Amino acid sequence: MEFIDYYRILEIKNSASEADIKAAYRKLARKYHPDLNSNDENAKKKFQQINEANEVLSDPEKRKKYDQYGKDWKHAEQFEKANQQQSQSRASSGGQQSYGSSGGDFSGDFSEFFESIYGSAAGGRTRQTKFRGKDLNADLHLSLMDVYKTQQQTLTVNGKNIRLTIPAGVENGQVIKIAGHGAPGANGGPNGDLYITFTIANHPKFKREGSHLYATVDLDLYTALLGGDLQVDTLDGKVKLKVVPETQSNTKVKLKGKGFPVYKKEGEFGDLYITYNVKLPAQLTEKEKELLTELSKLRANGN
C-alpha cells in the first residue's frame, strides 16, 4: 500500500487555499462524474479518488493530520500516542461538499491508505454539491415557407418530445433557447438548457434579407415597350402589377408589405422588391424581321 498524494489528485499545490480546493474539486468532479462517463471504469476510479482527496483536504482537521504525517502515515498512530493527541478524524465534516454518482451521499469506496489514517467510518455522510446539467444543441432545418407563418412542431431530443412554437420570421442561423430542456442536473441541480439553431433553405424564386424579399421577373419586349398588366408571385399568392410603357430592363418596383414577416411583430411585414428582366424575342419570323426593320428605319429618321 503506497502513500497517496491528494494534492496531486486534485491538481493543486500544497499551499492551496480552501477556495482553490473547492474550485479544483468541482472542476474535476464534473469532468469525471459517472453520469457523464458511462461505462468508463477509469473515470469511475478517478472520480472516487477525487472524492477521497476532497474528503481529506476540504476538512481542516483531516488536512492538518494528512500534512503532519505525510509519507509517515504508517506511523501516524504511534506519533499521536507519543504526543498524547486524540484523533479527530471521526468528527463530523459539516459543510463540506461531495459529488456522489448516484444522487445519494458519498460515503464509501475509500482507499486503504485513507482508512489507515482516518478509519473506515471517517467519511461519514457528507452534503452533496448540486451541479447544473449540460446545455444541449440541436439543428432544425426548415424551408422559407415553414417560417412564413407561426407554427408548432414536435422535436425529439434525448428521447423526449418537446413541443415547440416557431414564431414567423425566424432568421437563418438564428438560435433560440428553451430553458430547462437540456441534460438533467446532478444531485438535484437544475437541468441545462436546449439551444436550437435554425437552418432556413433558400427559396427558388425569392431571396430573403431580413424581412424584405427580392425577386427577378421576366418581362417580354412588347409589354416593356407598350406597357400593360403583369401577374407576379408573392409568398401570399399572386398580385397584378401595372407595367408602365417603355420600362427598361433592371427596373425595380416595390410591393409594400408583400415581403417577409417581422420576427415577433404580429401582422408586420417587410417589402417585396421586383426587378424586371426584359426578354428579347427569339426565332423571329420573316414578317417580324420586316416590321422590326421598318421600325428601325423610323427611329433612325426620327419619325
Protein backbone atom coordinates (compact mmCIF):
# COMPACT_ATOMS: atom_id res chain seq x y z
CA MET A 1 0.00 0.00 0.00
CA GLU A 2 1.56 3.27 -1.12
CA PHE A 3 1.24 6.88 0.00
CA ILE A 4 -1.47 8.78 -1.93
CA ASP A 5 -0.77 12.37 -2.88
CA TYR A 6 -4.16 14.05 -2.56
CA TYR A 7 -2.81 17.38 -3.75
CA ARG A 8 -1.63 15.78 -6.99
CA ILE A 9 -5.01 14.12 -7.49
CA LEU A 10 -6.78 17.48 -7.25
CA GLU A 11 -4.04 19.09 -9.37
CA ILE A 12 -3.27 21.77 -6.78
CA LYS A 13 -0.28 22.87 -4.72
CA ASN A 14 0.22 22.04 -1.04
CA SER A 15 -0.33 25.72 -0.26
CA ALA A 16 -3.77 25.76 -1.91
CA SER A 17 -6.49 27.73 -0.11
CA GLU A 18 -9.92 26.36 0.77
CA ALA A 19 -11.32 28.20 -2.25
CA ASP A 20 -8.64 26.62 -4.50
CA ILE A 21 -9.53 23.16 -3.22
CA LYS A 22 -13.24 23.71 -3.73
CA ALA A 23 -12.76 25.02 -7.27
CA ALA A 24 -10.42 22.17 -8.24
CA TYR A 25 -12.78 19.59 -6.81
CA ARG A 26 -15.83 20.96 -8.60
CA LYS A 27 -13.97 21.10 -11.91
CA LEU A 28 -12.66 17.53 -11.73
CA ALA A 29 -15.84 16.06 -10.24
CA ARG A 30 -17.83 17.43 -13.13
CA LYS A 31 -15.28 16.11 -15.64
CA TYR A 32 -15.15 12.56 -14.28
CA HIS A 33 -18.69 12.17 -12.96
CA PRO A 34 -20.03 8.68 -13.87
CA ASP A 35 -23.25 10.17 -15.23
CA LEU A 36 -21.17 11.89 -17.90
CA ASN A 37 -18.77 8.96 -18.44
CA SER A 38 -20.98 5.90 -18.59
CA ASN A 39 -19.16 2.57 -18.95
CA ASP A 40 -15.79 4.22 -18.33
CA GLU A 41 -14.16 2.38 -15.44
CA ASN A 42 -11.13 4.66 -15.46
CA ALA A 43 -13.37 7.69 -14.99
CA LYS A 44 -15.19 5.96 -12.15
CA LYS A 45 -11.90 5.20 -10.39
CA LYS A 46 -10.68 8.74 -10.92
CA PHE A 47 -13.96 10.07 -9.56
CA GLN A 48 -13.55 8.03 -6.36
CA GLN A 49 -10.00 9.30 -5.93
CA ILE A 50 -11.17 12.89 -6.38
CA ASN A 51 -13.88 12.45 -3.74
CA GLU A 52 -11.41 10.90 -1.33
CA ALA A 53 -8.90 13.71 -1.85
CA ASN A 54 -11.65 16.26 -1.29
CA GLU A 55 -12.82 14.39 1.81
CA VAL A 56 -9.40 14.97 3.35
CA LEU A 57 -8.26 18.35 2.02
CA SER A 58 -11.57 20.19 2.41
CA ASP A 59 -11.74 19.26 6.11
CA PRO A 60 -9.27 21.37 8.19
CA GLU A 61 -8.70 18.63 10.80
CA LYS A 62 -8.19 15.87 8.26
CA ARG A 63 -5.91 18.06 6.16
CA LYS A 64 -3.85 19.01 9.21
CA LYS A 65 -3.34 15.36 10.07
CA TYR A 66 -2.52 14.47 6.48
CA ASP A 67 0.00 17.31 6.18
CA GLN A 68 1.51 16.44 9.58
CA TYR A 69 2.28 12.81 8.84
CA GLY A 70 2.59 12.82 5.07
CA LYS A 71 4.60 9.85 3.91
CA ASP A 72 4.99 8.66 7.52
CA TRP A 73 1.34 7.69 7.51
CA LYS A 74 2.22 4.14 8.66
CA HIS A 75 3.40 5.54 12.00
CA ALA A 76 0.64 8.07 12.45
CA GLU A 77 -0.91 6.25 15.40
CA GLN A 78 2.42 5.95 17.15
CA PHE A 79 3.16 9.63 16.65
CA GLU A 80 -0.24 10.57 18.03
CA LYS A 81 0.15 8.46 21.15
CA ALA A 82 3.61 9.85 21.74
CA ASN A 83 2.25 13.39 21.58
CA GLN A 84 -0.89 12.42 23.54
CA GLN A 85 -3.09 13.62 20.75
CA GLN A 86 -6.55 12.29 20.21
CA SER A 87 -7.56 11.63 16.63
CA GLN A 88 -10.32 13.89 15.49
CA SER A 89 -10.78 12.07 12.21
CA ARG A 90 -14.24 10.72 13.09
CA ALA A 91 -15.65 14.19 13.73
CA SER A 92 -18.44 15.43 11.52
CA SER A 93 -17.29 17.19 8.38
CA GLY A 94 -20.25 19.58 8.42
CA GLY A 95 -20.44 21.97 5.49
CA GLN A 96 -18.09 20.02 3.22
CA GLN A 97 -19.18 19.18 -0.27
CA SER A 98 -19.07 15.92 -2.17
CA TYR A 99 -20.27 14.92 -5.61
CA GLY A 100 -21.86 11.49 -5.49
CA SER A 101 -22.51 9.40 -8.57
CA SER A 102 -25.93 8.04 -7.73
CA GLY A 103 -27.71 11.01 -6.29
CA GLY A 104 -27.03 9.85 -2.68
CA ASP A 105 -24.30 10.78 -0.19
CA PHE A 106 -20.76 9.78 -0.95
CA SER A 107 -19.74 7.55 1.98
CA GLY A 108 -17.78 4.59 0.65
CA ASP A 109 -15.03 3.23 -1.58
CA PHE A 110 -12.22 4.88 0.40
CA SER A 111 -8.71 3.58 -0.15
CA GLU A 112 -6.80 1.51 2.41
CA PHE A 113 -4.46 4.46 2.77
CA PHE A 114 -7.35 6.69 3.81
CA GLU A 115 -8.75 4.17 6.29
CA SER A 116 -5.33 3.53 7.79
CA ILE A 117 -5.21 7.16 8.93
CA TYR A 118 -8.83 8.09 9.48
CA GLY A 119 -10.61 4.80 9.99
CA SER A 120 -13.25 3.13 7.86
CA ALA A 121 -16.07 5.39 9.03
CA ALA A 122 -14.21 8.69 8.84
CA GLY A 123 -16.07 9.81 5.79
CA GLY A 124 -19.45 9.88 7.44
CA ARG A 125 -22.28 11.37 5.43
CA THR A 126 -21.44 14.50 3.52
CA ARG A 127 -23.51 17.13 1.80
CA GLN A 128 -23.89 16.89 -1.94
CA THR A 129 -22.87 19.60 -4.39
CA LYS A 130 -25.62 20.37 -6.88
CA PHE A 131 -24.48 20.60 -10.47
CA ARG A 132 -26.41 22.16 -13.33
CA GLY A 133 -26.97 19.84 -16.29
CA LYS A 134 -25.18 20.33 -19.58
CA ASP A 135 -26.68 22.54 -22.26
CA LEU A 136 -27.72 20.70 -25.41
CA ASN A 137 -27.68 21.88 -29.02
CA ALA A 138 -29.92 20.86 -31.90
CA ASP A 139 -30.29 21.92 -35.54
CA LEU A 140 -33.70 22.40 -37.13
CA HIS A 141 -33.89 22.54 -40.94
CA LEU A 142 -36.88 24.37 -42.40
CA SER A 143 -37.97 25.92 -45.69
CA LEU A 144 -38.72 29.60 -46.17
CA MET A 145 -42.42 28.80 -46.29
CA ASP A 146 -42.14 26.94 -42.97
CA VAL A 147 -41.26 30.17 -41.20
CA TYR A 148 -43.60 32.43 -43.15
CA LYS A 149 -46.29 31.75 -40.57
CA THR A 150 -46.07 30.90 -36.86
CA GLN A 151 -46.31 27.16 -36.42
CA GLN A 152 -45.80 24.40 -33.88
CA GLN A 153 -43.51 21.41 -34.24
CA THR A 154 -42.63 18.49 -32.01
CA LEU A 155 -38.92 17.76 -31.67
CA THR A 156 -37.39 14.66 -30.16
CA VAL A 157 -34.29 15.42 -28.11
CA ASN A 158 -32.63 12.73 -25.98
CA GLY A 159 -35.69 10.56 -26.35
CA LYS A 160 -38.06 13.26 -25.12
CA ASN A 161 -40.69 15.01 -27.22
CA ILE A 162 -40.62 18.80 -26.99
CA ARG A 163 -43.49 20.84 -28.41
CA LEU A 164 -42.01 23.99 -29.88
CA THR A 165 -43.74 27.13 -31.16
CA ILE A 166 -41.74 28.61 -34.05
CA PRO A 167 -42.52 32.31 -34.49
CA ALA A 168 -42.92 33.61 -38.04
CA GLY A 169 -39.88 35.45 -39.33
CA VAL A 170 -37.18 33.28 -37.76
CA GLU A 171 -33.84 34.02 -39.42
CA ASN A 172 -31.43 31.56 -40.99
CA GLY A 173 -28.77 30.78 -38.36
CA GLN A 174 -30.86 32.20 -35.52
CA VAL A 175 -30.54 30.43 -32.17
CA ILE A 176 -33.31 30.24 -29.60
CA LYS A 177 -33.10 28.88 -26.07
CA ILE A 178 -35.60 26.53 -24.46
CA ALA A 179 -34.92 26.73 -20.75
CA GLY A 180 -34.75 23.52 -18.74
CA HIS A 181 -34.77 21.11 -21.68
CA GLY A 182 -31.07 20.29 -21.64
CA ALA A 183 -29.36 17.42 -19.82
CA PRO A 184 -30.62 16.67 -16.29
CA GLY A 185 -28.73 18.17 -13.37
CA ALA A 186 -26.78 16.11 -10.85
CA ASN A 187 -27.65 15.78 -7.15
CA GLY A 188 -30.84 17.76 -7.53
CA GLY A 189 -29.25 20.52 -9.58
CA PRO A 190 -31.23 22.28 -12.33
CA ASN A 191 -31.45 20.96 -15.87
CA GLY A 192 -29.41 22.59 -18.60
CA ASP A 193 -30.97 24.47 -21.49
CA LEU A 194 -31.64 23.44 -25.08
CA TYR A 195 -30.32 25.70 -27.85
CA ILE A 196 -31.89 25.28 -31.29
CA THR A 197 -30.17 26.64 -34.40
CA PHE A 198 -32.43 27.24 -37.40
CA THR A 199 -31.24 26.48 -40.91
CA ILE A 200 -33.60 28.03 -43.47
CA ALA A 201 -33.26 26.68 -47.00
CA ASN A 202 -33.11 29.06 -49.96
CA HIS A 203 -36.29 29.63 -51.99
CA PRO A 204 -36.18 29.06 -55.76
CA LYS A 205 -37.89 32.39 -56.52
CA PHE A 206 -37.19 34.72 -53.61
CA LYS A 207 -34.07 35.95 -51.91
CA ARG A 208 -34.54 36.98 -48.30
CA GLU A 209 -32.71 39.75 -46.49
CA GLY A 210 -34.18 40.26 -43.05
CA SER A 211 -37.87 40.99 -43.53
CA HIS A 212 -37.51 42.03 -47.18
CA LEU A 213 -37.78 39.75 -50.21
CA TYR A 214 -36.20 40.16 -53.63
CA ALA A 215 -37.23 38.54 -56.91
CA THR A 216 -36.47 38.87 -60.61
CA VAL A 217 -39.40 38.74 -63.04
CA ASP A 218 -39.11 38.31 -66.81
CA LEU A 219 -40.88 40.94 -68.91
CA ASP A 220 -41.49 40.46 -72.63
CA LEU A 221 -40.27 43.16 -75.00
CA TYR A 222 -43.71 44.26 -76.13
CA THR A 223 -45.09 44.75 -72.61
CA ALA A 224 -41.91 46.59 -71.68
CA LEU A 225 -42.33 48.92 -74.64
CA LEU A 226 -46.07 49.40 -74.64
CA GLY A 227 -46.93 48.80 -71.00
CA GLY A 228 -49.64 46.52 -69.69
CA ASP A 229 -50.67 44.25 -66.84
CA LEU A 230 -48.45 41.56 -65.32
CA GLN A 231 -49.15 38.92 -62.68
CA VAL A 232 -46.31 38.14 -60.29
CA ASP A 233 -45.93 35.61 -57.47
CA THR A 234 -45.59 36.53 -53.80
CA LEU A 235 -45.40 34.22 -50.79
CA ASP A 236 -49.00 35.17 -50.13
CA GLY A 237 -50.32 34.47 -53.64
CA LYS A 238 -50.34 36.28 -56.98
CA VAL A 239 -50.73 40.04 -57.42
CA LYS A 240 -51.31 42.17 -60.54
CA LEU A 241 -48.80 44.85 -61.48
CA LYS A 242 -49.27 47.76 -63.87
CA VAL A 243 -46.23 47.98 -66.15
CA VAL A 244 -45.64 51.49 -67.41
CA PRO A 245 -44.68 51.94 -71.11
CA GLU A 246 -41.01 51.99 -72.02
CA THR A 247 -39.94 50.07 -68.90
CA GLN A 248 -36.22 49.39 -69.03
CA SER A 249 -34.51 46.14 -68.05
CA ASN A 250 -33.33 46.07 -64.40
CA THR A 251 -36.08 48.50 -63.37
CA LYS A 252 -37.07 47.86 -59.73
CA VAL A 253 -40.52 48.21 -58.23
CA LYS A 254 -41.52 47.84 -54.57
CA LEU A 255 -44.56 45.96 -53.35
CA LYS A 256 -45.10 47.35 -49.88
CA GLY A 257 -45.99 44.82 -47.19
CA LYS A 258 -45.52 41.84 -49.52
CA GLY A 259 -42.19 40.78 -48.00
CA PHE A 260 -41.47 38.55 -45.03
CA PRO A 261 -42.99 38.70 -41.54
CA VAL A 262 -41.04 40.74 -39.00
CA TYR A 263 -39.86 38.43 -36.19
CA LYS A 264 -42.19 38.54 -33.17
CA LYS A 265 -44.14 41.51 -34.54
CA GLU A 266 -47.53 40.10 -35.38
CA GLY A 267 -49.02 41.47 -38.60
CA GLU A 268 -45.92 43.44 -39.60
CA PHE A 269 -44.23 42.60 -42.91
CA GLY A 270 -41.29 43.80 -44.93
CA ASP A 271 -41.47 44.69 -48.63
CA LEU A 272 -41.05 42.72 -51.85
CA TYR A 273 -38.71 44.22 -54.43
CA ILE A 274 -39.22 43.13 -58.04
CA THR A 275 -36.52 43.57 -60.67
CA TYR A 276 -37.69 43.41 -64.28
CA ASN A 277 -35.63 41.41 -66.74
CA VAL A 278 -36.69 42.37 -70.28
CA LYS A 279 -36.52 39.30 -72.52
CA LEU A 280 -35.81 39.76 -76.21
CA PRO A 281 -37.89 37.65 -78.60
CA ALA A 282 -36.16 34.70 -80.28
CA GLN A 283 -36.80 32.76 -83.51
CA LEU A 284 -38.26 35.77 -85.33
CA THR A 285 -40.45 35.17 -88.35
CA GLU A 286 -39.74 36.88 -91.65
CA LYS A 287 -42.73 39.17 -91.06
CA GLU A 288 -41.43 40.15 -87.61
CA LYS A 289 -38.00 40.88 -89.06
CA GLU A 290 -39.60 43.02 -91.75
CA LEU A 291 -41.60 45.02 -89.19
CA LEU A 292 -38.61 45.47 -86.92
CA THR A 293 -36.52 46.67 -89.85
CA GLU A 294 -39.19 49.20 -90.69
CA LEU A 295 -39.33 50.30 -87.04
CA SER A 296 -35.58 50.68 -87.04
CA LYS A 297 -35.72 52.98 -90.07
CA LEU A 298 -38.45 55.06 -88.46
CA ARG A 299 -36.30 55.53 -85.35
CA ALA A 300 -33.28 56.41 -87.46
CA ASN A 301 -35.25 59.07 -89.37
CA GLY A 302 -36.62 60.47 -86.12
CA ASN A 303 -40.22 59.79 -87.10
